[in-house]
Amino acid sequence: MQAFLISTGVVALGEMGDKTQLLALLLAARFKRPWPIMAGILVATLANHAAAGWLGAGIAAWLGPQLLRWVIGLSFIAMAAWMLVPDEADEAPGGTGRFGVFGTTVVAFFLAEMGDKTQIATVALAARYASLAAVVAGTTLGMMIANVPAVLLGDRVAKKVPMRLVHAIAAAIFGVLGVATLLGVGGTP
C-alpha cells in the first residue's frame, strides 16, 4: 500500500503544471470530447509507466544523461515548432484525423511522457519498491488526478480563447522547456 500511495502522491504533485497537463488542456480544447480523452490518457499512462518500470532505466543508462538531455530538449523545440503549424482540425472544431480522439490522445500522451519527470519518477519508484503493479497503479492514478481537471477545463477554455492563441502559448512553453532542457536548467536529465 505504501508504494501505491507514495507513487500516487509524487506523480500527482509532479504533474501539476507539466507539459502533459498542458497537452490534456489542448486536446480538450481541440476535440471537445472529454471521455475519450480521459480514457486515452489512462491507457497511454498505463502503457508508458509499465514500460518505464521495465525499460526506462536501461534506456536512460544506454543513452547517458547528456545524450538523453539533448534528445528531450530538441524534441521539445520540435514540438514548439509543430504547435505553430495550423492544421485542418483547428479550422473544423472536433476534427479527429484518422486515429480519432481516443487514438490521438493515446499516441500523444504516450510520446509526451517519454523522458518526462513522471516517467523517470516511475522508474525510480519501481526500483525502490518490490511491487511494480502498485507503483504503476499509483503513478497512473496520480496522472489522472492531475490531468482530468485539465481535460474538463479545456472545453470551457476552447469556447472563450481562439485556438491560434492556445497554440502560440503552447509553442512558447514547449520552446522554453526545450531551451531549459538543453541548458540543463531545472534538473532535467
N, C-alpha and C. Protein backbone atom coordinates (compact mmCIF):
# COMPACT_ATOMS: atom_id res chain seq x y z
N MET A 1 0.83 -1.20 0.00
CA MET A 1 0.00 0.00 0.00
C MET A 1 0.87 1.27 0.00
N GLN A 2 2.01 1.18 0.68
CA GLN A 2 2.90 2.34 0.74
C GLN A 2 3.39 2.72 -0.66
N ALA A 3 3.78 1.73 -1.45
CA ALA A 3 4.25 2.01 -2.81
C ALA A 3 3.17 2.70 -3.63
N PHE A 4 1.93 2.24 -3.50
CA PHE A 4 0.81 2.82 -4.24
C PHE A 4 0.57 4.27 -3.82
N LEU A 5 0.50 4.52 -2.51
CA LEU A 5 0.19 5.86 -2.01
C LEU A 5 1.31 6.86 -2.32
N ILE A 6 2.54 6.45 -2.13
CA ILE A 6 3.66 7.34 -2.42
C ILE A 6 3.72 7.63 -3.92
N SER A 7 3.55 6.59 -4.73
CA SER A 7 3.57 6.78 -6.19
C SER A 7 2.47 7.73 -6.64
N THR A 8 1.28 7.58 -6.08
CA THR A 8 0.17 8.46 -6.43
C THR A 8 0.49 9.90 -6.07
N GLY A 9 0.92 10.13 -4.86
CA GLY A 9 1.20 11.49 -4.39
C GLY A 9 2.33 12.17 -5.15
N VAL A 10 3.42 11.44 -5.36
CA VAL A 10 4.57 12.01 -6.05
C VAL A 10 4.20 12.45 -7.47
N VAL A 11 3.50 11.58 -8.17
CA VAL A 11 3.17 11.91 -9.57
C VAL A 11 2.08 12.98 -9.64
N ALA A 12 1.07 12.92 -8.79
CA ALA A 12 0.02 13.95 -8.83
C ALA A 12 0.62 15.33 -8.59
N LEU A 13 1.53 15.44 -7.65
CA LEU A 13 2.17 16.73 -7.39
C LEU A 13 3.15 17.10 -8.49
N GLY A 14 3.92 16.13 -8.96
CA GLY A 14 4.91 16.39 -10.01
C GLY A 14 4.29 16.77 -11.34
N GLU A 15 3.07 16.34 -11.56
CA GLU A 15 2.38 16.57 -12.83
C GLU A 15 1.76 17.97 -12.90
N MET A 16 1.58 18.63 -11.78
CA MET A 16 0.96 19.96 -11.78
C MET A 16 1.82 20.93 -12.59
N GLY A 17 1.23 21.51 -13.62
CA GLY A 17 1.94 22.45 -14.48
C GLY A 17 2.87 21.79 -15.49
N ASP A 18 2.84 20.47 -15.59
CA ASP A 18 3.71 19.74 -16.50
C ASP A 18 3.19 19.84 -17.94
N LYS A 19 4.04 19.49 -18.89
CA LYS A 19 3.66 19.57 -20.30
C LYS A 19 2.49 18.65 -20.64
N THR A 20 2.38 17.52 -19.96
CA THR A 20 1.25 16.63 -20.26
C THR A 20 -0.06 17.21 -19.74
N GLN A 21 -0.01 18.01 -18.71
CA GLN A 21 -1.21 18.70 -18.26
C GLN A 21 -1.62 19.75 -19.29
N LEU A 22 -0.64 20.41 -19.87
CA LEU A 22 -0.91 21.34 -20.97
C LEU A 22 -1.48 20.59 -22.17
N LEU A 23 -0.93 19.42 -22.45
CA LEU A 23 -1.43 18.61 -23.56
C LEU A 23 -2.89 18.21 -23.32
N ALA A 24 -3.23 17.85 -22.08
CA ALA A 24 -4.62 17.50 -21.76
C ALA A 24 -5.55 18.67 -22.03
N LEU A 25 -5.11 19.85 -21.64
CA LEU A 25 -5.90 21.06 -21.87
C LEU A 25 -6.07 21.32 -23.37
N LEU A 26 -4.99 21.17 -24.13
CA LEU A 26 -5.05 21.40 -25.57
C LEU A 26 -5.94 20.38 -26.28
N LEU A 27 -5.83 19.12 -25.90
CA LEU A 27 -6.68 18.10 -26.52
C LEU A 27 -8.15 18.36 -26.23
N ALA A 28 -8.44 18.74 -25.00
CA ALA A 28 -9.83 19.04 -24.63
C ALA A 28 -10.35 20.25 -25.39
N ALA A 29 -9.50 21.26 -25.55
CA ALA A 29 -9.91 22.46 -26.28
C ALA A 29 -10.12 22.14 -27.76
N ARG A 30 -9.31 21.28 -28.29
CA ARG A 30 -9.39 20.96 -29.71
C ARG A 30 -10.55 20.03 -30.04
N PHE A 31 -10.72 18.97 -29.27
CA PHE A 31 -11.70 17.94 -29.62
C PHE A 31 -13.04 18.08 -28.91
N LYS A 32 -13.05 18.73 -27.76
CA LYS A 32 -14.30 18.96 -27.02
C LYS A 32 -15.05 17.66 -26.71
N ARG A 33 -14.30 16.60 -26.42
CA ARG A 33 -14.89 15.30 -26.07
C ARG A 33 -14.09 14.72 -24.91
N PRO A 34 -14.46 15.07 -23.67
CA PRO A 34 -13.63 14.70 -22.52
C PRO A 34 -13.50 13.20 -22.25
N TRP A 35 -14.54 12.41 -22.45
CA TRP A 35 -14.48 11.00 -22.08
C TRP A 35 -13.44 10.21 -22.89
N PRO A 36 -13.41 10.32 -24.22
CA PRO A 36 -12.36 9.59 -24.94
C PRO A 36 -10.96 10.12 -24.63
N ILE A 37 -10.85 11.40 -24.31
CA ILE A 37 -9.55 11.95 -23.95
C ILE A 37 -9.09 11.38 -22.62
N MET A 38 -9.97 11.34 -21.63
CA MET A 38 -9.59 10.79 -20.33
C MET A 38 -9.26 9.30 -20.44
N ALA A 39 -10.02 8.57 -21.26
CA ALA A 39 -9.71 7.15 -21.47
C ALA A 39 -8.37 6.98 -22.17
N GLY A 40 -8.08 7.85 -23.12
CA GLY A 40 -6.79 7.81 -23.81
C GLY A 40 -5.63 8.11 -22.88
N ILE A 41 -5.82 9.06 -22.00
CA ILE A 41 -4.78 9.38 -21.01
C ILE A 41 -4.52 8.17 -20.12
N LEU A 42 -5.59 7.51 -19.69
CA LEU A 42 -5.46 6.33 -18.82
C LEU A 42 -4.68 5.22 -19.53
N VAL A 43 -5.06 4.89 -20.75
CA VAL A 43 -4.40 3.81 -21.49
C VAL A 43 -2.93 4.17 -21.77
N ALA A 44 -2.68 5.39 -22.22
CA ALA A 44 -1.31 5.81 -22.53
C ALA A 44 -0.44 5.79 -21.29
N THR A 45 -0.98 6.26 -20.18
CA THR A 45 -0.21 6.30 -18.94
C THR A 45 0.10 4.90 -18.44
N LEU A 46 -0.90 4.02 -18.47
CA LEU A 46 -0.64 2.63 -18.05
C LEU A 46 0.46 2.00 -18.90
N ALA A 47 0.37 2.16 -20.21
CA ALA A 47 1.37 1.58 -21.10
C ALA A 47 2.74 2.21 -20.88
N ASN A 48 2.77 3.53 -20.78
CA ASN A 48 4.04 4.23 -20.63
C ASN A 48 4.70 3.91 -19.30
N HIS A 49 3.94 3.96 -18.23
CA HIS A 49 4.53 3.74 -16.91
C HIS A 49 4.90 2.28 -16.69
N ALA A 50 4.17 1.35 -17.30
CA ALA A 50 4.58 -0.05 -17.22
C ALA A 50 5.91 -0.25 -17.95
N ALA A 51 6.02 0.34 -19.13
CA ALA A 51 7.27 0.26 -19.87
C ALA A 51 8.41 0.95 -19.11
N ALA A 52 8.08 2.07 -18.46
CA ALA A 52 9.11 2.80 -17.70
C ALA A 52 9.65 1.95 -16.57
N GLY A 53 8.78 1.22 -15.92
CA GLY A 53 9.20 0.36 -14.82
C GLY A 53 10.18 -0.71 -15.28
N TRP A 54 9.99 -1.22 -16.49
CA TRP A 54 10.83 -2.30 -17.01
C TRP A 54 12.00 -1.81 -17.84
N LEU A 55 11.79 -0.81 -18.66
CA LEU A 55 12.80 -0.45 -19.63
C LEU A 55 13.45 0.92 -19.43
N GLY A 56 12.78 1.81 -18.73
CA GLY A 56 13.25 3.19 -18.62
C GLY A 56 14.66 3.34 -18.12
N ALA A 57 14.99 2.63 -17.07
CA ALA A 57 16.33 2.75 -16.51
C ALA A 57 17.39 2.28 -17.50
N GLY A 58 17.10 1.21 -18.23
CA GLY A 58 18.07 0.70 -19.21
C GLY A 58 18.28 1.65 -20.36
N ILE A 59 17.21 2.25 -20.85
CA ILE A 59 17.32 3.19 -21.97
C ILE A 59 18.08 4.43 -21.53
N ALA A 60 17.76 4.96 -20.36
CA ALA A 60 18.45 6.16 -19.87
C ALA A 60 19.93 5.88 -19.68
N ALA A 61 20.26 4.70 -19.16
CA ALA A 61 21.66 4.35 -18.96
C ALA A 61 22.38 4.17 -20.30
N TRP A 62 21.68 3.60 -21.28
CA TRP A 62 22.26 3.38 -22.59
C TRP A 62 22.56 4.69 -23.28
N LEU A 63 21.59 5.64 -23.24
CA LEU A 63 21.80 6.93 -23.89
C LEU A 63 22.77 7.80 -23.11
N GLY A 64 22.74 7.67 -21.80
CA GLY A 64 23.55 8.53 -20.96
C GLY A 64 22.85 9.86 -20.74
N PRO A 65 23.16 10.53 -19.64
CA PRO A 65 22.44 11.75 -19.31
C PRO A 65 22.61 12.88 -20.31
N GLN A 66 23.77 13.02 -20.92
CA GLN A 66 23.99 14.11 -21.86
C GLN A 66 23.18 13.92 -23.14
N LEU A 67 23.25 12.74 -23.73
CA LEU A 67 22.51 12.47 -24.96
C LEU A 67 21.00 12.51 -24.69
N LEU A 68 20.58 11.96 -23.56
CA LEU A 68 19.17 11.99 -23.19
C LEU A 68 18.67 13.43 -23.09
N ARG A 69 19.47 14.30 -22.45
CA ARG A 69 19.09 15.71 -22.33
C ARG A 69 18.92 16.35 -23.70
N TRP A 70 19.83 16.08 -24.64
CA TRP A 70 19.73 16.65 -25.99
C TRP A 70 18.51 16.12 -26.74
N VAL A 71 18.26 14.83 -26.63
CA VAL A 71 17.10 14.24 -27.32
C VAL A 71 15.81 14.87 -26.80
N ILE A 72 15.69 14.98 -25.49
CA ILE A 72 14.48 15.56 -24.89
C ILE A 72 14.36 17.04 -25.24
N GLY A 73 15.45 17.79 -25.11
CA GLY A 73 15.43 19.23 -25.40
C GLY A 73 15.06 19.53 -26.84
N LEU A 74 15.66 18.81 -27.77
CA LEU A 74 15.35 19.03 -29.19
C LEU A 74 13.93 18.59 -29.51
N SER A 75 13.44 17.57 -28.82
CA SER A 75 12.05 17.14 -29.02
C SER A 75 11.08 18.22 -28.59
N PHE A 76 11.36 18.88 -27.47
CA PHE A 76 10.51 19.98 -27.02
C PHE A 76 10.50 21.12 -28.04
N ILE A 77 11.66 21.44 -28.57
CA ILE A 77 11.74 22.52 -29.55
C ILE A 77 10.99 22.14 -30.83
N ALA A 78 11.11 20.89 -31.25
CA ALA A 78 10.36 20.41 -32.42
C ALA A 78 8.86 20.49 -32.15
N MET A 79 8.44 20.15 -30.94
CA MET A 79 7.02 20.24 -30.59
C MET A 79 6.56 21.69 -30.62
N ALA A 80 7.41 22.61 -30.19
CA ALA A 80 7.06 24.04 -30.24
C ALA A 80 6.82 24.48 -31.68
N ALA A 81 7.70 24.08 -32.57
CA ALA A 81 7.52 24.44 -33.98
C ALA A 81 6.25 23.80 -34.55
N TRP A 82 6.01 22.56 -34.19
CA TRP A 82 4.84 21.85 -34.68
C TRP A 82 3.54 22.50 -34.21
N MET A 83 3.55 23.03 -33.00
CA MET A 83 2.36 23.69 -32.46
C MET A 83 1.98 24.93 -33.28
N LEU A 84 2.94 25.53 -33.95
CA LEU A 84 2.68 26.74 -34.74
C LEU A 84 2.14 26.45 -36.13
N VAL A 85 2.19 25.19 -36.54
CA VAL A 85 1.70 24.81 -37.87
C VAL A 85 0.19 24.58 -37.78
N PRO A 86 -0.60 25.42 -38.46
CA PRO A 86 -2.04 25.22 -38.40
C PRO A 86 -2.42 23.95 -39.15
N ASP A 87 -3.43 23.27 -38.63
CA ASP A 87 -3.92 22.11 -39.38
C ASP A 87 -5.42 22.19 -39.52
N GLU A 88 -5.97 21.32 -40.33
CA GLU A 88 -7.39 21.38 -40.66
C GLU A 88 -8.29 21.20 -39.45
N ALA A 89 -7.84 20.48 -38.46
CA ALA A 89 -8.66 20.26 -37.27
C ALA A 89 -8.91 21.57 -36.53
N ASP A 90 -7.96 22.51 -36.62
CA ASP A 90 -8.16 23.81 -35.97
C ASP A 90 -9.27 24.59 -36.66
N GLU A 91 -9.40 24.41 -37.95
CA GLU A 91 -10.41 25.14 -38.70
C GLU A 91 -11.79 24.50 -38.54
N ALA A 92 -11.84 23.20 -38.30
CA ALA A 92 -13.11 22.49 -38.15
C ALA A 92 -13.14 21.86 -36.76
N PRO A 93 -13.72 22.56 -35.77
CA PRO A 93 -13.72 22.04 -34.41
C PRO A 93 -14.25 20.62 -34.35
N GLY A 94 -13.56 19.80 -33.57
CA GLY A 94 -13.99 18.43 -33.38
C GLY A 94 -13.37 17.46 -34.36
N GLY A 95 -12.60 17.95 -35.36
CA GLY A 95 -11.95 17.05 -36.30
C GLY A 95 -10.95 16.18 -35.57
N THR A 96 -10.91 14.89 -35.93
CA THR A 96 -10.07 13.97 -35.18
C THR A 96 -9.00 13.29 -36.00
N GLY A 97 -8.98 13.47 -37.31
CA GLY A 97 -7.99 12.78 -38.10
C GLY A 97 -8.30 11.29 -38.18
N ARG A 98 -7.33 10.51 -38.60
CA ARG A 98 -7.61 9.09 -38.82
C ARG A 98 -7.58 8.25 -37.56
N PHE A 99 -7.03 8.74 -36.46
CA PHE A 99 -6.95 7.95 -35.23
C PHE A 99 -8.12 8.18 -34.29
N GLY A 100 -8.90 9.20 -34.54
CA GLY A 100 -9.99 9.53 -33.63
C GLY A 100 -9.46 10.21 -32.37
N VAL A 101 -10.35 10.66 -31.54
CA VAL A 101 -9.96 11.38 -30.31
C VAL A 101 -9.18 10.45 -29.39
N PHE A 102 -9.71 9.24 -29.16
CA PHE A 102 -9.06 8.29 -28.25
C PHE A 102 -7.66 7.93 -28.74
N GLY A 103 -7.53 7.54 -30.00
CA GLY A 103 -6.24 7.14 -30.54
C GLY A 103 -5.23 8.27 -30.56
N THR A 104 -5.69 9.45 -30.93
CA THR A 104 -4.81 10.62 -30.93
C THR A 104 -4.29 10.90 -29.53
N THR A 105 -5.18 10.79 -28.55
CA THR A 105 -4.79 11.03 -27.15
C THR A 105 -3.79 9.98 -26.68
N VAL A 106 -4.04 8.72 -26.99
CA VAL A 106 -3.12 7.65 -26.57
C VAL A 106 -1.72 7.91 -27.13
N VAL A 107 -1.64 8.16 -28.42
CA VAL A 107 -0.33 8.37 -29.06
C VAL A 107 0.35 9.63 -28.50
N ALA A 108 -0.40 10.73 -28.43
CA ALA A 108 0.19 11.98 -27.95
C ALA A 108 0.68 11.87 -26.52
N PHE A 109 -0.13 11.28 -25.65
CA PHE A 109 0.27 11.17 -24.24
C PHE A 109 1.41 10.19 -24.06
N PHE A 110 1.38 9.08 -24.77
CA PHE A 110 2.46 8.11 -24.65
C PHE A 110 3.78 8.77 -25.02
N LEU A 111 3.80 9.48 -26.15
CA LEU A 111 5.03 10.13 -26.60
C LEU A 111 5.43 11.28 -25.68
N ALA A 112 4.46 12.06 -25.20
CA ALA A 112 4.77 13.20 -24.32
C ALA A 112 5.38 12.73 -23.01
N GLU A 113 5.04 11.54 -22.57
CA GLU A 113 5.57 11.02 -21.31
C GLU A 113 6.98 10.46 -21.44
N MET A 114 7.46 10.25 -22.67
CA MET A 114 8.80 9.71 -22.85
C MET A 114 9.83 10.70 -22.31
N GLY A 115 10.61 10.25 -21.35
CA GLY A 115 11.63 11.10 -20.76
C GLY A 115 11.11 12.15 -19.81
N ASP A 116 9.81 12.14 -19.54
CA ASP A 116 9.20 13.13 -18.66
C ASP A 116 9.56 12.81 -17.21
N LYS A 117 9.44 13.82 -16.36
CA LYS A 117 9.80 13.62 -14.95
C LYS A 117 8.93 12.55 -14.29
N THR A 118 7.68 12.42 -14.70
CA THR A 118 6.85 11.38 -14.09
C THR A 118 7.25 9.99 -14.57
N GLN A 119 7.75 9.89 -15.80
CA GLN A 119 8.26 8.60 -16.27
C GLN A 119 9.53 8.24 -15.50
N ILE A 120 10.38 9.21 -15.30
CA ILE A 120 11.61 8.98 -14.55
C ILE A 120 11.29 8.65 -13.10
N ALA A 121 10.30 9.33 -12.54
CA ALA A 121 9.87 9.02 -11.18
C ALA A 121 9.34 7.59 -11.09
N THR A 122 8.64 7.16 -12.13
CA THR A 122 8.13 5.79 -12.16
C THR A 122 9.28 4.79 -12.17
N VAL A 123 10.31 5.05 -12.94
CA VAL A 123 11.49 4.18 -12.96
C VAL A 123 12.09 4.10 -11.56
N ALA A 124 12.28 5.25 -10.92
CA ALA A 124 12.88 5.28 -9.59
C ALA A 124 12.01 4.58 -8.55
N LEU A 125 10.70 4.82 -8.61
CA LEU A 125 9.79 4.18 -7.66
C LEU A 125 9.75 2.67 -7.87
N ALA A 126 9.79 2.24 -9.13
CA ALA A 126 9.80 0.80 -9.42
C ALA A 126 11.08 0.16 -8.91
N ALA A 127 12.18 0.89 -8.95
CA ALA A 127 13.44 0.37 -8.41
C ALA A 127 13.41 0.32 -6.88
N ARG A 128 12.68 1.22 -6.28
CA ARG A 128 12.63 1.32 -4.81
C ARG A 128 11.68 0.30 -4.18
N TYR A 129 10.53 0.07 -4.83
CA TYR A 129 9.51 -0.80 -4.25
C TYR A 129 9.41 -2.10 -5.03
N ALA A 130 9.15 -3.18 -4.31
CA ALA A 130 9.08 -4.52 -4.92
C ALA A 130 7.86 -4.71 -5.81
N SER A 131 6.79 -3.97 -5.55
CA SER A 131 5.54 -4.19 -6.29
C SER A 131 5.43 -3.24 -7.48
N LEU A 132 5.80 -3.75 -8.66
CA LEU A 132 5.68 -2.94 -9.87
C LEU A 132 4.23 -2.56 -10.12
N ALA A 133 3.31 -3.49 -9.85
CA ALA A 133 1.88 -3.21 -10.07
C ALA A 133 1.41 -2.04 -9.20
N ALA A 134 1.82 -2.00 -7.95
CA ALA A 134 1.41 -0.91 -7.06
C ALA A 134 1.99 0.42 -7.52
N VAL A 135 3.22 0.40 -7.99
CA VAL A 135 3.86 1.63 -8.48
C VAL A 135 3.15 2.13 -9.74
N VAL A 136 2.92 1.24 -10.70
CA VAL A 136 2.27 1.65 -11.96
C VAL A 136 0.84 2.12 -11.69
N ALA A 137 0.12 1.42 -10.82
CA ALA A 137 -1.25 1.85 -10.48
C ALA A 137 -1.22 3.21 -9.80
N GLY A 138 -0.28 3.42 -8.90
CA GLY A 138 -0.18 4.70 -8.19
C GLY A 138 0.22 5.84 -9.09
N THR A 139 1.22 5.63 -9.95
CA THR A 139 1.64 6.71 -10.84
C THR A 139 0.55 7.03 -11.86
N THR A 140 -0.18 6.01 -12.28
CA THR A 140 -1.28 6.24 -13.22
C THR A 140 -2.40 7.03 -12.55
N LEU A 141 -2.75 6.68 -11.33
CA LEU A 141 -3.77 7.44 -10.60
C LEU A 141 -3.31 8.88 -10.40
N GLY A 142 -2.03 9.07 -10.09
CA GLY A 142 -1.51 10.43 -9.94
C GLY A 142 -1.65 11.24 -11.21
N MET A 143 -1.38 10.61 -12.36
CA MET A 143 -1.56 11.29 -13.66
C MET A 143 -3.02 11.67 -13.87
N MET A 144 -3.93 10.78 -13.53
CA MET A 144 -5.35 11.05 -13.73
C MET A 144 -5.81 12.18 -12.80
N ILE A 145 -5.34 12.18 -11.57
CA ILE A 145 -5.70 13.24 -10.62
C ILE A 145 -5.27 14.61 -11.16
N ALA A 146 -4.11 14.67 -11.77
CA ALA A 146 -3.60 15.94 -12.29
C ALA A 146 -4.23 16.33 -13.62
N ASN A 147 -4.56 15.36 -14.49
CA ASN A 147 -4.96 15.69 -15.84
C ASN A 147 -6.46 15.73 -16.10
N VAL A 148 -7.25 15.00 -15.34
CA VAL A 148 -8.70 15.04 -15.56
C VAL A 148 -9.26 16.46 -15.39
N PRO A 149 -8.87 17.20 -14.35
CA PRO A 149 -9.37 18.58 -14.26
C PRO A 149 -8.96 19.44 -15.47
N ALA A 150 -7.77 19.21 -16.01
CA ALA A 150 -7.34 19.96 -17.19
C ALA A 150 -8.21 19.63 -18.39
N VAL A 151 -8.59 18.37 -18.53
CA VAL A 151 -9.47 17.97 -19.63
C VAL A 151 -10.84 18.63 -19.47
N LEU A 152 -11.37 18.60 -18.28
CA LEU A 152 -12.70 19.17 -18.04
C LEU A 152 -12.69 20.69 -18.20
N LEU A 153 -11.59 21.33 -17.88
CA LEU A 153 -11.46 22.78 -18.03
C LEU A 153 -11.21 23.17 -19.49
N GLY A 154 -10.55 22.29 -20.25
CA GLY A 154 -10.16 22.60 -21.61
C GLY A 154 -11.32 22.98 -22.51
N ASP A 155 -12.46 22.32 -22.37
CA ASP A 155 -13.61 22.62 -23.21
C ASP A 155 -14.11 24.04 -22.95
N ARG A 156 -14.09 24.44 -21.70
CA ARG A 156 -14.52 25.81 -21.36
C ARG A 156 -13.56 26.84 -21.92
N VAL A 157 -12.27 26.53 -21.86
CA VAL A 157 -11.27 27.45 -22.40
C VAL A 157 -11.45 27.59 -23.91
N ALA A 158 -11.75 26.48 -24.59
CA ALA A 158 -11.89 26.49 -26.05
C ALA A 158 -13.02 27.40 -26.51
N LYS A 159 -14.05 27.51 -25.70
CA LYS A 159 -15.19 28.34 -26.09
C LYS A 159 -14.87 29.83 -25.98
N LYS A 160 -13.84 30.17 -25.21
CA LYS A 160 -13.54 31.58 -24.95
C LYS A 160 -12.22 32.06 -25.56
N VAL A 161 -11.31 31.13 -25.87
CA VAL A 161 -9.98 31.50 -26.34
C VAL A 161 -9.75 30.93 -27.74
N PRO A 162 -9.29 31.74 -28.69
CA PRO A 162 -9.02 31.23 -30.04
C PRO A 162 -7.90 30.20 -30.03
N MET A 163 -8.05 29.15 -30.86
CA MET A 163 -7.04 28.08 -30.92
C MET A 163 -5.67 28.61 -31.34
N ARG A 164 -5.64 29.61 -32.19
CA ARG A 164 -4.35 30.18 -32.61
C ARG A 164 -3.58 30.70 -31.40
N LEU A 165 -4.27 31.35 -30.47
CA LEU A 165 -3.62 31.84 -29.25
C LEU A 165 -3.17 30.68 -28.36
N VAL A 166 -4.02 29.66 -28.22
CA VAL A 166 -3.66 28.49 -27.42
C VAL A 166 -2.40 27.84 -27.99
N HIS A 167 -2.34 27.70 -29.32
CA HIS A 167 -1.17 27.10 -29.96
C HIS A 167 0.07 27.96 -29.76
N ALA A 168 -0.06 29.26 -29.84
CA ALA A 168 1.08 30.15 -29.64
C ALA A 168 1.62 30.05 -28.21
N ILE A 169 0.72 30.00 -27.26
CA ILE A 169 1.15 29.87 -25.86
C ILE A 169 1.82 28.52 -25.64
N ALA A 170 1.21 27.46 -26.17
CA ALA A 170 1.80 26.13 -26.03
C ALA A 170 3.17 26.06 -26.69
N ALA A 171 3.31 26.65 -27.88
CA ALA A 171 4.60 26.67 -28.56
C ALA A 171 5.65 27.39 -27.73
N ALA A 172 5.27 28.50 -27.13
CA ALA A 172 6.20 29.24 -26.28
C ALA A 172 6.64 28.40 -25.08
N ILE A 173 5.69 27.72 -24.47
CA ILE A 173 6.02 26.88 -23.31
C ILE A 173 6.95 25.74 -23.72
N PHE A 174 6.61 25.04 -24.82
CA PHE A 174 7.48 23.96 -25.28
C PHE A 174 8.86 24.48 -25.67
N GLY A 175 8.92 25.66 -26.28
CA GLY A 175 10.20 26.25 -26.64
C GLY A 175 11.06 26.54 -25.41
N VAL A 176 10.45 27.12 -24.40
CA VAL A 176 11.17 27.41 -23.15
C VAL A 176 11.64 26.11 -22.50
N LEU A 177 10.76 25.10 -22.47
CA LEU A 177 11.15 23.81 -21.90
C LEU A 177 12.33 23.20 -22.66
N GLY A 178 12.31 23.31 -23.99
CA GLY A 178 13.39 22.77 -24.80
C GLY A 178 14.71 23.45 -24.52
N VAL A 179 14.70 24.78 -24.51
CA VAL A 179 15.93 25.53 -24.23
C VAL A 179 16.43 25.25 -22.81
N ALA A 180 15.50 25.23 -21.85
CA ALA A 180 15.88 24.95 -20.46
C ALA A 180 16.49 23.55 -20.34
N THR A 181 15.92 22.59 -21.04
CA THR A 181 16.45 21.23 -21.01
C THR A 181 17.85 21.18 -21.61
N LEU A 182 18.03 21.84 -22.75
CA LEU A 182 19.35 21.85 -23.38
C LEU A 182 20.40 22.52 -22.51
N LEU A 183 19.98 23.52 -21.76
CA LEU A 183 20.91 24.23 -20.87
C LEU A 183 21.09 23.53 -19.54
N GLY A 184 20.28 22.49 -19.29
CA GLY A 184 20.37 21.76 -18.03
C GLY A 184 19.72 22.47 -16.87
N VAL A 185 18.79 23.36 -17.15
CA VAL A 185 18.09 24.13 -16.11
C VAL A 185 16.93 23.29 -15.57
N GLY A 186 16.72 23.32 -14.28
CA GLY A 186 15.55 22.65 -13.69
C GLY A 186 15.75 21.19 -13.39
N GLY A 187 16.96 20.71 -13.40
CA GLY A 187 17.22 19.34 -13.03
C GLY A 187 16.74 18.31 -14.05
N THR A 188 16.54 18.72 -15.29
CA THR A 188 16.15 17.79 -16.33
C THR A 188 17.33 16.90 -16.66
N PRO A 189 17.09 15.64 -17.07
CA PRO A 189 18.21 14.73 -17.33
C PRO A 189 19.19 15.26 -18.34
